[in-house]
Amino acid sequence: MAVATEGGKTLEIWVDADACPVVIKEILYRAAERAQVKTTLVANMLLRVPPSPYLNAIQVASGFDVADNRIVQELSAGDLVITADIPLASEVISRNAHALNPRGELYSVENIQERLTMRDFMEQLRTSGVETFGPNAFSAADRKSFAAQLDKFLTRYNAAL
């Protein structure tokens, strides 16, 4: 049974796949099959996805924000985008879609501006020469948090059917 959005359109999941951890992609492959949700991975490199009527990969030209722009161009209101890219998440939210970080944080109208502000602040620090260090290594807790948030999201939409 396909998952429907609030407007009756079938939910699609879009994945900003260039930097998406493999373990997250594997969770998404299983979720796409289980929930029968079309899931499209977009990257500037060739991606192989398991054979499935619910999985698709799109290769875009390399370049700054090319994959992000393709996702924004293709998504519909209510769709879910998997991304750690905060400006992309902001654009997704502005189009009445949903954005989920691979670490399990669901971006929202309430928290996206704070995330953008922090991202810009950290970028200013880096350009001024301050060593800011990157994010923590991806952990089992991150994987578990992502899987739980994705399941919660899909369950909410299944209940709407």
N, C-alpha and C. Protein backbone atom coordinates (compact mmCIF):
# COMPACT_ATOMS: atom_id res chain seq x y z
N MET A 1 0.84 -1.17 0.00
CA MET A 1 0.00 0.00 0.00
C MET A 1 0.89 1.24 0.00
N ALA A 2 0.74 2.10 -0.99
CA ALA A 2 1.56 3.30 -1.10
C ALA A 2 1.17 4.31 -0.02
N VAL A 3 2.12 5.09 0.39
CA VAL A 3 1.90 6.10 1.41
C VAL A 3 1.43 7.38 0.73
N ALA A 4 0.32 7.95 1.21
CA ALA A 4 -0.22 9.17 0.62
C ALA A 4 0.07 10.38 1.51
N THR A 5 0.22 11.53 0.89
CA THR A 5 0.41 12.77 1.64
C THR A 5 -0.95 13.35 1.99
N GLU A 6 -0.94 14.48 2.68
CA GLU A 6 -2.20 15.12 3.09
C GLU A 6 -3.10 15.41 1.90
N GLY A 7 -2.55 15.82 0.78
CA GLY A 7 -3.34 16.18 -0.38
C GLY A 7 -3.74 15.00 -1.25
N GLY A 8 -3.45 13.78 -0.84
CA GLY A 8 -3.82 12.61 -1.62
C GLY A 8 -2.76 12.18 -2.61
N LYS A 9 -1.76 13.03 -2.86
CA LYS A 9 -0.67 12.67 -3.76
C LYS A 9 0.20 11.62 -3.09
N THR A 10 0.73 10.73 -3.86
CA THR A 10 1.60 9.71 -3.30
C THR A 10 2.90 10.34 -2.82
N LEU A 11 3.27 10.01 -1.60
CA LEU A 11 4.51 10.50 -1.00
C LEU A 11 5.71 9.98 -1.78
N GLU A 12 6.68 10.84 -2.00
CA GLU A 12 7.97 10.43 -2.55
C GLU A 12 9.06 10.85 -1.59
N ILE A 13 10.10 10.03 -1.54
CA ILE A 13 11.28 10.36 -0.75
C ILE A 13 12.40 10.69 -1.71
N TRP A 14 13.06 11.80 -1.47
CA TRP A 14 14.21 12.25 -2.27
C TRP A 14 15.43 12.23 -1.37
N VAL A 15 16.55 11.73 -1.89
CA VAL A 15 17.75 11.59 -1.08
C VAL A 15 18.88 12.39 -1.72
N ASP A 16 19.43 13.33 -0.96
CA ASP A 16 20.63 14.05 -1.35
C ASP A 16 21.78 13.06 -1.09
N ALA A 17 22.09 12.27 -2.11
CA ALA A 17 22.85 11.03 -1.91
C ALA A 17 24.36 11.18 -1.96
N ASP A 18 24.90 12.30 -2.39
CA ASP A 18 26.35 12.44 -2.50
C ASP A 18 27.07 12.17 -1.18
N ALA A 19 26.54 12.70 -0.09
CA ALA A 19 27.21 12.54 1.20
C ALA A 19 26.40 11.70 2.18
N CYS A 20 25.36 11.05 1.69
CA CYS A 20 24.51 10.24 2.57
C CYS A 20 25.24 8.96 2.95
N PRO A 21 25.34 8.66 4.23
CA PRO A 21 26.03 7.44 4.65
C PRO A 21 25.37 6.18 4.07
N VAL A 22 26.19 5.20 3.74
CA VAL A 22 25.71 3.95 3.16
C VAL A 22 24.66 3.30 4.05
N VAL A 23 24.89 3.30 5.35
CA VAL A 23 23.94 2.66 6.26
C VAL A 23 22.57 3.32 6.19
N ILE A 24 22.52 4.61 5.95
CA ILE A 24 21.25 5.33 5.82
C ILE A 24 20.58 4.94 4.50
N LYS A 25 21.36 4.82 3.45
CA LYS A 25 20.80 4.37 2.17
C LYS A 25 20.18 2.99 2.32
N GLU A 26 20.85 2.11 3.04
CA GLU A 26 20.32 0.76 3.24
C GLU A 26 19.01 0.78 4.02
N ILE A 27 18.91 1.63 5.02
CA ILE A 27 17.66 1.78 5.76
C ILE A 27 16.57 2.27 4.82
N LEU A 28 16.90 3.22 3.97
CA LEU A 28 15.92 3.76 3.02
C LEU A 28 15.47 2.71 2.01
N TYR A 29 16.39 1.87 1.55
CA TYR A 29 16.02 0.80 0.60
C TYR A 29 14.97 -0.11 1.24
N ARG A 30 15.21 -0.51 2.47
CA ARG A 30 14.26 -1.41 3.16
C ARG A 30 12.93 -0.69 3.42
N ALA A 31 12.98 0.57 3.81
CA ALA A 31 11.76 1.32 4.09
C ALA A 31 10.94 1.52 2.82
N ALA A 32 11.60 1.78 1.70
CA ALA A 32 10.89 1.96 0.43
C ALA A 32 10.11 0.70 0.07
N GLU A 33 10.72 -0.44 0.25
CA GLU A 33 10.06 -1.71 -0.03
C GLU A 33 8.90 -1.96 0.93
N ARG A 34 9.18 -1.79 2.21
CA ARG A 34 8.18 -2.07 3.24
C ARG A 34 6.96 -1.16 3.08
N ALA A 35 7.19 0.14 2.87
CA ALA A 35 6.09 1.10 2.80
C ALA A 35 5.61 1.34 1.37
N GLN A 36 6.29 0.74 0.41
CA GLN A 36 5.97 0.92 -1.01
C GLN A 36 5.96 2.40 -1.40
N VAL A 37 7.07 3.06 -1.06
CA VAL A 37 7.23 4.49 -1.31
C VAL A 37 8.32 4.70 -2.35
N LYS A 38 8.00 5.44 -3.39
CA LYS A 38 9.01 5.76 -4.40
C LYS A 38 10.11 6.58 -3.74
N THR A 39 11.35 6.09 -3.86
CA THR A 39 12.51 6.72 -3.25
C THR A 39 13.55 6.95 -4.32
N THR A 40 13.96 8.19 -4.50
CA THR A 40 14.91 8.56 -5.54
C THR A 40 16.15 9.16 -4.92
N LEU A 41 17.30 8.56 -5.25
CA LEU A 41 18.59 9.07 -4.80
C LEU A 41 19.16 9.94 -5.91
N VAL A 42 19.59 11.14 -5.56
CA VAL A 42 20.13 12.09 -6.52
C VAL A 42 21.57 12.38 -6.13
N ALA A 43 22.49 12.20 -7.10
CA ALA A 43 23.92 12.41 -6.82
C ALA A 43 24.63 12.78 -8.11
N ASN A 44 25.83 13.34 -7.96
CA ASN A 44 26.61 13.67 -9.15
C ASN A 44 27.57 12.54 -9.51
N MET A 45 27.39 11.39 -8.84
CA MET A 45 28.17 10.21 -9.21
C MET A 45 27.18 9.08 -9.51
N LEU A 46 27.63 8.10 -10.22
CA LEU A 46 26.78 6.96 -10.56
C LEU A 46 26.47 6.17 -9.29
N LEU A 47 25.20 5.92 -9.05
CA LEU A 47 24.77 5.15 -7.89
C LEU A 47 24.08 3.88 -8.36
N ARG A 48 24.30 2.84 -7.65
CA ARG A 48 23.60 1.59 -7.91
C ARG A 48 22.64 1.36 -6.76
N VAL A 49 21.40 1.10 -7.12
CA VAL A 49 20.39 0.80 -6.11
C VAL A 49 19.86 -0.60 -6.38
N PRO A 50 19.40 -1.28 -5.36
CA PRO A 50 18.84 -2.62 -5.57
C PRO A 50 17.67 -2.56 -6.55
N PRO A 51 17.48 -3.61 -7.32
CA PRO A 51 16.34 -3.61 -8.24
C PRO A 51 15.03 -3.58 -7.46
N SER A 52 14.20 -2.62 -7.76
CA SER A 52 12.93 -2.46 -7.07
C SER A 52 12.08 -1.45 -7.83
N PRO A 53 10.79 -1.67 -7.87
CA PRO A 53 9.92 -0.66 -8.49
C PRO A 53 9.84 0.62 -7.67
N TYR A 54 10.36 0.60 -6.44
CA TYR A 54 10.27 1.76 -5.55
C TYR A 54 11.56 2.56 -5.46
N LEU A 55 12.64 2.05 -6.07
CA LEU A 55 13.94 2.72 -5.97
C LEU A 55 14.41 3.21 -7.32
N ASN A 56 14.97 4.40 -7.30
CA ASN A 56 15.47 5.03 -8.52
C ASN A 56 16.71 5.86 -8.15
N ALA A 57 17.64 5.97 -9.08
CA ALA A 57 18.80 6.83 -8.89
C ALA A 57 18.91 7.77 -10.08
N ILE A 58 19.19 9.02 -9.80
CA ILE A 58 19.40 10.02 -10.83
C ILE A 58 20.81 10.56 -10.68
N GLN A 59 21.57 10.50 -11.76
CA GLN A 59 22.90 11.10 -11.77
C GLN A 59 22.80 12.46 -12.43
N VAL A 60 23.30 13.49 -11.76
CA VAL A 60 23.32 14.84 -12.29
C VAL A 60 24.77 15.23 -12.58
N ALA A 61 24.95 16.28 -13.33
CA ALA A 61 26.29 16.78 -13.61
C ALA A 61 26.95 17.23 -12.30
N SER A 62 28.26 17.14 -12.26
CA SER A 62 28.95 17.62 -11.07
C SER A 62 28.91 19.14 -11.07
N GLY A 63 28.96 19.69 -9.90
CA GLY A 63 28.92 21.14 -9.76
C GLY A 63 28.22 21.52 -8.48
N PHE A 64 28.43 22.75 -8.08
CA PHE A 64 27.90 23.26 -6.83
C PHE A 64 26.37 23.25 -6.84
N ASP A 65 25.76 22.54 -5.92
CA ASP A 65 24.31 22.49 -5.71
C ASP A 65 23.50 21.91 -6.87
N VAL A 66 24.12 21.21 -7.81
CA VAL A 66 23.39 20.65 -8.94
C VAL A 66 22.39 19.60 -8.45
N ALA A 67 22.82 18.71 -7.57
CA ALA A 67 21.90 17.69 -7.03
C ALA A 67 20.80 18.35 -6.20
N ASP A 68 21.17 19.32 -5.39
CA ASP A 68 20.18 20.03 -4.57
C ASP A 68 19.12 20.68 -5.45
N ASN A 69 19.58 21.36 -6.49
CA ASN A 69 18.64 22.04 -7.39
C ASN A 69 17.70 21.06 -8.08
N ARG A 70 18.21 19.89 -8.45
CA ARG A 70 17.36 18.87 -9.08
C ARG A 70 16.28 18.38 -8.11
N ILE A 71 16.67 18.16 -6.88
CA ILE A 71 15.70 17.72 -5.87
C ILE A 71 14.61 18.77 -5.70
N VAL A 72 14.99 20.02 -5.56
CA VAL A 72 14.02 21.10 -5.38
C VAL A 72 13.09 21.20 -6.59
N GLN A 73 13.65 21.02 -7.77
CA GLN A 73 12.87 21.08 -9.01
C GLN A 73 11.85 19.95 -9.08
N GLU A 74 12.19 18.78 -8.58
CA GLU A 74 11.35 17.59 -8.72
C GLU A 74 10.36 17.38 -7.58
N LEU A 75 10.65 17.87 -6.39
CA LEU A 75 9.81 17.52 -5.25
C LEU A 75 8.46 18.22 -5.29
N SER A 76 7.53 17.62 -4.58
CA SER A 76 6.18 18.18 -4.43
C SER A 76 5.92 18.44 -2.95
N ALA A 77 4.95 19.28 -2.69
CA ALA A 77 4.55 19.53 -1.30
C ALA A 77 4.22 18.20 -0.64
N GLY A 78 4.68 18.04 0.59
CA GLY A 78 4.43 16.82 1.34
C GLY A 78 5.50 15.76 1.20
N ASP A 79 6.37 15.85 0.17
CA ASP A 79 7.44 14.88 -0.01
C ASP A 79 8.44 14.98 1.14
N LEU A 80 9.26 13.95 1.27
CA LEU A 80 10.31 13.92 2.28
C LEU A 80 11.67 13.93 1.60
N VAL A 81 12.56 14.81 2.06
CA VAL A 81 13.91 14.90 1.53
C VAL A 81 14.88 14.53 2.65
N ILE A 82 15.81 13.61 2.33
CA ILE A 82 16.84 13.21 3.27
C ILE A 82 18.09 13.99 2.92
N THR A 83 18.52 14.86 3.83
CA THR A 83 19.70 15.69 3.57
C THR A 83 20.30 16.23 4.86
N ALA A 84 21.60 16.41 4.84
CA ALA A 84 22.30 17.10 5.93
C ALA A 84 22.59 18.54 5.53
N ASP A 85 22.23 18.90 4.31
CA ASP A 85 22.48 20.23 3.76
C ASP A 85 21.39 21.19 4.27
N ILE A 86 21.77 22.08 5.16
CA ILE A 86 20.79 22.94 5.82
C ILE A 86 20.14 23.93 4.84
N PRO A 87 20.88 24.57 3.92
CA PRO A 87 20.19 25.43 2.95
C PRO A 87 19.18 24.64 2.08
N LEU A 88 19.53 23.41 1.71
CA LEU A 88 18.58 22.59 0.95
C LEU A 88 17.36 22.30 1.83
N ALA A 89 17.57 21.94 3.08
CA ALA A 89 16.45 21.66 3.98
C ALA A 89 15.54 22.89 4.10
N SER A 90 16.13 24.07 4.18
CA SER A 90 15.35 25.29 4.26
C SER A 90 14.49 25.49 3.02
N GLU A 91 15.07 25.24 1.86
CA GLU A 91 14.32 25.37 0.60
C GLU A 91 13.19 24.34 0.54
N VAL A 92 13.45 23.13 0.99
CA VAL A 92 12.45 22.07 1.01
C VAL A 92 11.27 22.50 1.89
N ILE A 93 11.57 22.99 3.08
CA ILE A 93 10.53 23.42 4.01
C ILE A 93 9.72 24.57 3.43
N SER A 94 10.40 25.49 2.74
CA SER A 94 9.68 26.63 2.14
C SER A 94 8.72 26.17 1.05
N ARG A 95 8.91 24.97 0.54
CA ARG A 95 8.02 24.40 -0.50
C ARG A 95 7.00 23.42 0.10
N ASN A 96 6.79 23.53 1.40
CA ASN A 96 5.82 22.70 2.11
C ASN A 96 6.10 21.21 2.01
N ALA A 97 7.37 20.87 1.98
CA ALA A 97 7.80 19.48 2.03
C ALA A 97 8.53 19.28 3.36
N HIS A 98 9.05 18.08 3.58
CA HIS A 98 9.69 17.73 4.84
C HIS A 98 11.16 17.41 4.60
N ALA A 99 12.00 17.70 5.58
CA ALA A 99 13.43 17.41 5.47
C ALA A 99 13.90 16.70 6.73
N LEU A 100 14.61 15.60 6.51
CA LEU A 100 15.11 14.77 7.61
C LEU A 100 16.62 14.61 7.44
N ASN A 101 17.35 14.91 8.49
CA ASN A 101 18.80 14.77 8.52
C ASN A 101 19.16 13.29 8.70
N PRO A 102 20.24 12.81 8.07
CA PRO A 102 20.64 11.41 8.26
C PRO A 102 20.94 11.03 9.70
N ARG A 103 21.07 12.00 10.58
CA ARG A 103 21.28 11.70 12.00
C ARG A 103 19.96 11.64 12.77
N GLY A 104 18.84 11.83 12.06
CA GLY A 104 17.53 11.66 12.67
C GLY A 104 16.82 12.93 13.08
N GLU A 105 17.36 14.09 12.75
CA GLU A 105 16.69 15.34 13.11
C GLU A 105 15.75 15.75 11.99
N LEU A 106 14.49 15.92 12.33
CA LEU A 106 13.50 16.40 11.38
C LEU A 106 13.53 17.92 11.41
N TYR A 107 13.92 18.52 10.29
CA TYR A 107 13.94 19.97 10.20
C TYR A 107 12.49 20.45 10.10
N SER A 108 12.24 21.64 10.63
CA SER A 108 10.88 22.17 10.62
C SER A 108 10.92 23.68 10.48
N VAL A 109 9.74 24.25 10.28
CA VAL A 109 9.62 25.71 10.23
C VAL A 109 10.15 26.30 11.54
N GLU A 110 9.93 25.58 12.65
CA GLU A 110 10.32 26.09 13.96
C GLU A 110 11.83 26.05 14.20
N ASN A 111 12.57 25.14 13.56
CA ASN A 111 14.00 25.04 13.88
C ASN A 111 14.95 25.36 12.74
N ILE A 112 14.46 25.54 11.53
CA ILE A 112 15.37 25.69 10.39
C ILE A 112 16.14 27.01 10.42
N GLN A 113 15.51 28.08 10.86
CA GLN A 113 16.22 29.37 10.89
C GLN A 113 17.39 29.32 11.87
N GLU A 114 17.18 28.67 13.03
CA GLU A 114 18.27 28.52 14.00
C GLU A 114 19.42 27.71 13.39
N ARG A 115 19.10 26.65 12.65
CA ARG A 115 20.14 25.83 12.02
C ARG A 115 20.90 26.63 10.96
N LEU A 116 20.18 27.44 10.18
CA LEU A 116 20.84 28.28 9.17
C LEU A 116 21.76 29.31 9.82
N THR A 117 21.30 29.91 10.89
CA THR A 117 22.09 30.91 11.59
C THR A 117 23.38 30.28 12.14
N MET A 118 23.26 29.11 12.75
CA MET A 118 24.43 28.42 13.31
C MET A 118 25.39 28.01 12.19
N ARG A 119 24.85 27.53 11.08
CA ARG A 119 25.69 27.15 9.94
C ARG A 119 26.48 28.36 9.43
N ASP A 120 25.79 29.49 9.28
CA ASP A 120 26.46 30.70 8.79
C ASP A 120 27.52 31.19 9.78
N PHE A 121 27.22 31.11 11.06
CA PHE A 121 28.18 31.51 12.10
C PHE A 121 29.44 30.64 12.03
N MET A 122 29.25 29.33 11.93
CA MET A 122 30.40 28.42 11.85
C MET A 122 31.21 28.68 10.58
N GLU A 123 30.55 28.99 9.49
CA GLU A 123 31.25 29.30 8.24
C GLU A 123 32.09 30.57 8.41
N GLN A 124 31.56 31.57 9.10
CA GLN A 124 32.32 32.80 9.36
C GLN A 124 33.55 32.49 10.20
N LEU A 125 33.40 31.64 11.19
CA LEU A 125 34.54 31.27 12.02
C LEU A 125 35.62 30.59 11.18
N ARG A 126 35.19 29.64 10.34
CA ARG A 126 36.16 28.92 9.50
C ARG A 126 36.89 29.86 8.54
N THR A 127 36.16 30.79 7.92
CA THR A 127 36.81 31.70 6.97
C THR A 127 37.73 32.70 7.67
N SER A 128 37.52 32.90 8.97
CA SER A 128 38.42 33.80 9.72
C SER A 128 39.62 33.05 10.28
N GLY A 129 39.70 31.74 10.03
CA GLY A 129 40.86 30.97 10.44
C GLY A 129 40.68 30.16 11.71
N VAL A 130 39.51 30.21 12.32
CA VAL A 130 39.26 29.45 13.54
C VAL A 130 39.01 27.99 13.15
N GLU A 131 39.70 27.07 13.82
CA GLU A 131 39.47 25.65 13.56
C GLU A 131 38.22 25.22 14.32
N THR A 132 37.20 24.81 13.57
CA THR A 132 35.91 24.50 14.20
C THR A 132 35.67 23.00 14.33
N PHE A 133 36.47 22.19 13.71
CA PHE A 133 36.28 20.74 13.71
C PHE A 133 34.95 20.41 13.03
N GLY A 134 34.85 19.24 12.51
CA GLY A 134 33.64 18.82 11.82
C GLY A 134 32.66 18.16 12.77
N PRO A 135 31.62 17.60 12.21
CA PRO A 135 30.66 16.90 13.06
C PRO A 135 31.28 15.63 13.63
N ASN A 136 30.67 15.12 14.68
CA ASN A 136 31.12 13.86 15.25
C ASN A 136 30.98 12.75 14.22
N ALA A 137 31.75 11.69 14.38
CA ALA A 137 31.64 10.54 13.49
C ALA A 137 30.22 9.99 13.56
N PHE A 138 29.74 9.48 12.43
CA PHE A 138 28.42 8.89 12.37
C PHE A 138 28.38 7.66 13.27
N SER A 139 27.40 7.57 14.12
CA SER A 139 27.38 6.51 15.14
C SER A 139 26.17 5.60 15.00
N ALA A 140 26.19 4.51 15.76
CA ALA A 140 25.05 3.60 15.81
C ALA A 140 23.83 4.32 16.37
N ALA A 141 24.04 5.23 17.29
CA ALA A 141 22.92 6.01 17.84
C ALA A 141 22.30 6.90 16.76
N ASP A 142 23.14 7.48 15.89
CA ASP A 142 22.63 8.28 14.77
C ASP A 142 21.77 7.42 13.85
N ARG A 143 22.28 6.23 13.53
CA ARG A 143 21.55 5.31 12.66
C ARG A 143 20.20 4.95 13.27
N LYS A 144 20.21 4.65 14.54
CA LYS A 144 18.98 4.27 15.24
C LYS A 144 18.00 5.45 15.28
N SER A 145 18.50 6.63 15.54
CA SER A 145 17.66 7.83 15.57
C SER A 145 17.02 8.09 14.21
N PHE A 146 17.82 7.94 13.15
CA PHE A 146 17.29 8.13 11.79
C PHE A 146 16.19 7.12 11.50
N ALA A 147 16.46 5.85 11.77
CA ALA A 147 15.49 4.80 11.49
C ALA A 147 14.19 5.04 12.26
N ALA A 148 14.29 5.45 13.50
CA ALA A 148 13.10 5.71 14.31
C ALA A 148 12.31 6.89 13.76
N GLN A 149 13.01 7.96 13.40
CA GLN A 149 12.32 9.15 12.87
C GLN A 149 11.67 8.85 11.52
N LEU A 150 12.35 8.10 10.66
CA LEU A 150 11.79 7.72 9.37
C LEU A 150 10.55 6.86 9.57
N ASP A 151 10.63 5.88 10.48
CA ASP A 151 9.50 5.01 10.74
C ASP A 151 8.31 5.82 11.28
N LYS A 152 8.59 6.75 12.17
CA LYS A 152 7.54 7.61 12.72
C LYS A 152 6.88 8.43 11.61
N PHE A 153 7.69 8.97 10.72
CA PHE A 153 7.18 9.77 9.61
C PHE A 153 6.28 8.92 8.71
N LEU A 154 6.76 7.74 8.32
CA LEU A 154 6.00 6.87 7.42
C LEU A 154 4.74 6.34 8.10
N THR A 155 4.80 6.05 9.37
CA THR A 155 3.63 5.58 10.11
C THR A 155 2.55 6.66 10.14
N ARG A 156 2.98 7.88 10.35
CA ARG A 156 2.01 9.00 10.38
C ARG A 156 1.28 9.11 9.05
N TYR A 157 2.00 8.93 7.95
CA TYR A 157 1.36 9.03 6.64
C TYR A 157 0.55 7.79 6.31
N ASN A 158 0.96 6.63 6.76
CA ASN A 158 0.14 5.42 6.57
C ASN A 158 -1.18 5.55 7.29
N ALA A 159 -1.17 6.17 8.46
CA ALA A 159 -2.39 6.34 9.24
C ALA A 159 -3.38 7.25 8.51
N ALA A 160 -2.85 8.12 7.63
CA ALA A 160 -3.71 9.05 6.88
C ALA A 160 -4.44 8.35 5.73
N LEU A 161 -4.02 7.14 5.38
CA LEU A 161 -4.65 6.43 4.25
C LEU A 161 -6.04 5.94 4.56
